[in-house]
Amino acid sequence: MNAKTLHDLGYFQIIDILKGYSLSSPGAALCGKLLPYGDRETAVRESRRVSQLKKLILEDISIPFGEVTDTLRALNLSKIENSTLDIDSLVRIKGNLETSLKLKNFIKGLDGGIYPYILEFNDKLYANKELERRIQRAI
């Protein structure tokens, strides 16, 4: 699709609204880069995933999103040899890891027959309990 078609469909307005719902600035930046799917199969799969999430929300099932904070700068700094992170950065990273683990465990407990597309998403979440423990000891 070309930019004029996307503009005429209100696509960019929708993206701006979506960015407003993001929990972090990196999330908002990723929303800003979203483009329509180029193939039907991907669009159908993602549409089904959204339908399954909507079903969870309508059933008033509490999804443990928790607080997600912007840790991109700290994570980039951590890649530099001999660099150190301040306590605030470590606390935020630990919080994101905890939120990710809670969400992974929640998704793992869902019925795969009812929520197969949400279960696929679980592999994309990063959780590391040992790293959480190390951060806790450091702070």
C-alpha atoms as a PDB file:
ATOM      1  CA  MET A   1       0.000   0.000   0.000  1.00  0.00           C
ATOM      2  CA  ASN A   2       1.227   3.456  -0.761  1.00  0.00           C
ATOM      3  CA  ALA A   3       1.287   6.371   1.694  1.00  0.00           C
ATOM      4  CA  LYS A   4      -1.712   8.103   0.108  1.00  0.00           C
ATOM      5  CA  THR A   5      -3.889   5.006   0.512  1.00  0.00           C
ATOM      6  CA  LEU A   6      -2.778   4.626   4.118  1.00  0.00           C
ATOM      7  CA  HIS A   7      -3.517   8.293   4.751  1.00  0.00           C
ATOM      8  CA  ASP A   8      -6.965   8.031   3.121  1.00  0.00           C
ATOM      9  CA  LEU A   9      -7.777   5.024   5.320  1.00  0.00           C
ATOM     10  CA  GLY A  10      -6.786   6.910   8.468  1.00  0.00           C
ATOM     11  CA  TYR A  11      -3.978   4.454   9.138  1.00  0.00           C
ATOM     12  CA  PHE A  12      -1.594   7.044  10.580  1.00  0.00           C
ATOM     13  CA  GLN A  13      -4.281   8.403  12.907  1.00  0.00           C
ATOM     14  CA  ILE A  14      -4.852   4.882  14.215  1.00  0.00           C
ATOM     15  CA  ILE A  15      -1.113   4.434  14.768  1.00  0.00           C
ATOM     16  CA  ASP A  16      -0.999   7.703  16.748  1.00  0.00           C
ATOM     17  CA  ILE A  17      -3.859   6.492  18.949  1.00  0.00           C
ATOM     18  CA  LEU A  18      -2.121   3.142  19.423  1.00  0.00           C
ATOM     19  CA  LYS A  19       1.119   4.892  20.444  1.00  0.00           C
ATOM     20  CA  GLY A  20      -0.851   6.667  23.173  1.00  0.00           C
ATOM     21  CA  TYR A  21      -1.733   3.308  24.732  1.00  0.00           C
ATOM     22  CA  SER A  22       1.871   2.129  24.825  1.00  0.00           C
ATOM     23  CA  LEU A  23       3.357   1.454  28.264  1.00  0.00           C
ATOM     24  CA  SER A  24       6.848   2.702  27.374  1.00  0.00           C
ATOM     25  CA  SER A  25       8.601   5.014  24.948  1.00  0.00           C
ATOM     26  CA  PRO A  26      10.314   2.097  23.139  1.00  0.00           C
ATOM     27  CA  GLY A  27       6.869   0.523  22.773  1.00  0.00           C
ATOM     28  CA  ALA A  28       5.486   3.752  21.337  1.00  0.00           C
ATOM     29  CA  ALA A  29       8.423   3.935  18.919  1.00  0.00           C
ATOM     30  CA  LEU A  30       7.720   0.374  17.765  1.00  0.00           C
ATOM     31  CA  CYS A  31       4.052   1.257  17.267  1.00  0.00           C
ATOM     32  CA  GLY A  32       5.132   4.169  15.092  1.00  0.00           C
ATOM     33  CA  LYS A  33       7.006   1.763  12.806  1.00  0.00           C
ATOM     34  CA  LEU A  34       4.078  -0.615  12.303  1.00  0.00           C
ATOM     35  CA  LEU A  35       3.055  -1.285   8.728  1.00  0.00           C
ATOM     36  CA  PRO A  36       0.181  -3.336   7.333  1.00  0.00           C
ATOM     37  CA  TYR A  37       0.991  -6.992   6.745  1.00  0.00           C
ATOM     38  CA  GLY A  38       2.090  -7.838   3.232  1.00  0.00           C
ATOM     39  CA  ASP A  39       0.589 -11.312   3.156  1.00  0.00           C
ATOM     40  CA  ARG A  40      -2.846 -12.633   3.963  1.00  0.00           C
ATOM     41  CA  GLU A  41      -1.644 -15.528   6.157  1.00  0.00           C
ATOM     42  CA  THR A  42       0.156 -13.233   8.618  1.00  0.00           C
ATOM     43  CA  ALA A  43      -2.760 -10.798   8.707  1.00  0.00           C
ATOM     44  CA  VAL A  44      -5.226 -13.595   9.480  1.00  0.00           C
ATOM     45  CA  ARG A  45      -2.982 -15.080  12.220  1.00  0.00           C
ATOM     46  CA  GLU A  46      -2.506 -11.700  13.913  1.00  0.00           C
ATOM     47  CA  SER A  47      -6.210 -10.918  13.602  1.00  0.00           C
ATOM     48  CA  ARG A  48      -6.987 -14.179  15.387  1.00  0.00           C
ATOM     49  CA  ARG A  49      -4.465 -13.312  18.104  1.00  0.00           C
ATOM     50  CA  VAL A  50      -6.198  -9.962  18.635  1.00  0.00           C
ATOM     51  CA  SER A  51      -9.582 -11.729  18.769  1.00  0.00           C
ATOM     52  CA  GLN A  52      -8.262 -14.082  21.439  1.00  0.00           C
ATOM     53  CA  LEU A  53      -6.895 -11.185  23.496  1.00  0.00           C
ATOM     54  CA  LYS A  54     -10.227  -9.415  23.149  1.00  0.00           C
ATOM     55  CA  LYS A  55     -11.956 -12.584  24.402  1.00  0.00           C
ATOM     56  CA  LEU A  56      -9.729 -12.596  27.501  1.00  0.00           C
ATOM     57  CA  ILE A  57     -10.495  -8.946  28.174  1.00  0.00           C
ATOM     58  CA  LEU A  58     -14.254  -9.366  27.651  1.00  0.00           C
ATOM     59  CA  GLU A  59     -14.249 -12.350  30.015  1.00  0.00           C
ATOM     60  CA  ASP A  60     -12.707  -9.988  32.580  1.00  0.00           C
ATOM     61  CA  ILE A  61      -9.651 -12.196  33.000  1.00  0.00           C
ATOM     62  CA  SER A  62      -6.913 -10.205  34.704  1.00  0.00           C
ATOM     63  CA  ILE A  63      -3.865 -10.175  32.422  1.00  0.00           C
ATOM     64  CA  PRO A  64      -0.726  -9.462  34.498  1.00  0.00           C
ATOM     65  CA  PHE A  65       0.785  -6.704  32.398  1.00  0.00           C
ATOM     66  CA  GLY A  66       2.380  -5.028  35.400  1.00  0.00           C
ATOM     67  CA  GLU A  67       4.572  -2.008  34.985  1.00  0.00           C
ATOM     68  CA  VAL A  68       6.912  -1.862  32.014  1.00  0.00           C
ATOM     69  CA  THR A  69       9.507   0.875  32.091  1.00  0.00           C
ATOM     70  CA  ASP A  70      11.918   2.201  29.510  1.00  0.00           C
ATOM     71  CA  THR A  71      15.231   0.424  30.042  1.00  0.00           C
ATOM     72  CA  LEU A  72      16.646   0.729  26.530  1.00  0.00           C
ATOM     73  CA  ARG A  73      19.345   3.238  27.486  1.00  0.00           C
ATOM     74  CA  ALA A  74      20.473   1.106  30.435  1.00  0.00           C
ATOM     75  CA  LEU A  75      20.511  -2.053  28.335  1.00  0.00           C
ATOM     76  CA  ASN A  76      22.604  -0.340  25.668  1.00  0.00           C
ATOM     77  CA  LEU A  77      25.003   0.904  28.355  1.00  0.00           C
ATOM     78  CA  SER A  78      25.304  -2.615  29.755  1.00  0.00           C
ATOM     79  CA  LYS A  79      26.749  -3.771  26.415  1.00  0.00           C
ATOM     80  CA  ILE A  80      29.771  -1.498  26.862  1.00  0.00           C
ATOM     81  CA  GLU A  81      32.712  -3.254  28.460  1.00  0.00           C
ATOM     82  CA  ASN A  82      33.507  -2.109  32.034  1.00  0.00           C
ATOM     83  CA  SER A  83      30.354  -0.018  32.274  1.00  0.00           C
ATOM     84  CA  THR A  84      28.147  -0.015  35.357  1.00  0.00           C
ATOM     85  CA  LEU A  85      24.454   0.595  35.850  1.00  0.00           C
ATOM     86  CA  ASP A  86      23.011   2.713  38.617  1.00  0.00           C
ATOM     87  CA  ILE A  87      20.594   1.228  41.136  1.00  0.00           C
ATOM     88  CA  ASP A  88      17.566   2.881  39.528  1.00  0.00           C
ATOM     89  CA  SER A  89      18.381   1.223  36.193  1.00  0.00           C
ATOM     90  CA  LEU A  90      18.833  -2.150  37.860  1.00  0.00           C
ATOM     91  CA  VAL A  91      15.506  -1.803  39.678  1.00  0.00           C
ATOM     92  CA  ARG A  92      13.724  -0.949  36.411  1.00  0.00           C
ATOM     93  CA  ILE A  93      15.338  -3.873  34.562  1.00  0.00           C
ATOM     94  CA  LYS A  94      14.407  -6.236  37.404  1.00  0.00           C
ATOM     95  CA  GLY A  95      10.821  -4.937  37.310  1.00  0.00           C
ATOM     96  CA  ASN A  96      10.574  -5.591  33.575  1.00  0.00           C
ATOM     97  CA  LEU A  97      11.956  -9.100  34.040  1.00  0.00           C
ATOM     98  CA  GLU A  98       9.399  -9.783  36.785  1.00  0.00           C
ATOM     99  CA  THR A  99       6.554  -8.487  34.596  1.00  0.00           C
ATOM    100  CA  SER A 100       7.724 -10.629  31.686  1.00  0.00           C
ATOM    101  CA  LEU A 101       7.903 -13.752  33.868  1.00  0.00           C
ATOM    102  CA  LYS A 102       4.394 -13.151  35.249  1.00  0.00           C
ATOM    103  CA  LEU A 103       3.045 -12.708  31.733  1.00  0.00           C
ATOM    104  CA  LYS A 104       4.876 -15.843  30.487  1.00  0.00           C
ATOM    105  CA  ASN A 105       3.424 -17.897  33.345  1.00  0.00           C
ATOM    106  CA  PHE A 106      -0.041 -16.487  32.708  1.00  0.00           C
ATOM    107  CA  ILE A 107       0.130 -17.340  29.004  1.00  0.00           C
ATOM    108  CA  LYS A 108       1.525 -20.807  29.758  1.00  0.00           C
ATOM    109  CA  GLY A 109      -1.566 -21.481  31.889  1.00  0.00           C
ATOM    110  CA  LEU A 110      -4.030 -20.659  29.111  1.00  0.00           C
ATOM    111  CA  ASP A 111      -5.972 -23.392  27.337  1.00  0.00           C
ATOM    112  CA  GLY A 112      -4.129 -24.056  24.066  1.00  0.00           C
ATOM    113  CA  GLY A 113      -7.341 -25.195  22.404  1.00  0.00           C
ATOM    114  CA  ILE A 114      -8.973 -21.816  23.037  1.00  0.00           C
ATOM    115  CA  TYR A 115      -5.955 -19.490  22.869  1.00  0.00           C
ATOM    116  CA  PRO A 116      -3.430 -21.049  20.455  1.00  0.00           C
ATOM    117  CA  TYR A 117      -2.349 -17.744  18.905  1.00  0.00           C
ATOM    118  CA  ILE A 118      -1.624 -16.153  22.271  1.00  0.00           C
ATOM    119  CA  LEU A 119       0.422 -19.205  23.277  1.00  0.00           C
ATOM    120  CA  GLU A 120       2.631 -18.630  20.202  1.00  0.00           C
ATOM    121  CA  PHE A 121       3.524 -15.211  21.602  1.00  0.00           C
ATOM    122  CA  ASN A 122       4.981 -16.703  24.781  1.00  0.00           C
ATOM    123  CA  ASP A 123       8.258 -17.576  23.053  1.00  0.00           C
ATOM    124  CA  LYS A 124       8.845 -13.874  22.342  1.00  0.00           C
ATOM    125  CA  LEU A 125       8.841 -12.910  26.031  1.00  0.00           C
ATOM    126  CA  TYR A 126      12.167 -12.876  27.857  1.00  0.00           C
ATOM    127  CA  ALA A 127      12.393 -13.982  31.472  1.00  0.00           C
ATOM    128  CA  ASN A 128      15.497 -14.809  33.473  1.00  0.00           C
ATOM    129  CA  LYS A 129      14.972 -15.650  37.138  1.00  0.00           C
ATOM    130  CA  GLU A 130      18.722 -15.970  37.782  1.00  0.00           C
ATOM    131  CA  LEU A 131      19.342 -12.462  36.431  1.00  0.00           C
ATOM    132  CA  GLU A 132      16.542 -11.184  38.677  1.00  0.00           C
ATOM    133  CA  ARG A 133      18.256 -12.789  41.696  1.00  0.00           C
ATOM    134  CA  ARG A 134      21.627 -11.307  40.754  1.00  0.00           C
ATOM    135  CA  ILE A 135      20.128  -7.845  40.398  1.00  0.00           C
ATOM    136  CA  GLN A 136      18.366  -8.240  43.761  1.00  0.00           C
ATOM    137  CA  ARG A 137      21.672  -9.113  45.416  1.00  0.00           C
ATOM    138  CA  ALA A 138      23.390  -6.158  43.735  1.00  0.00           C
ATOM    139  CA  ILE A 139      20.828  -3.633  44.945  1.00  0.00           C
END
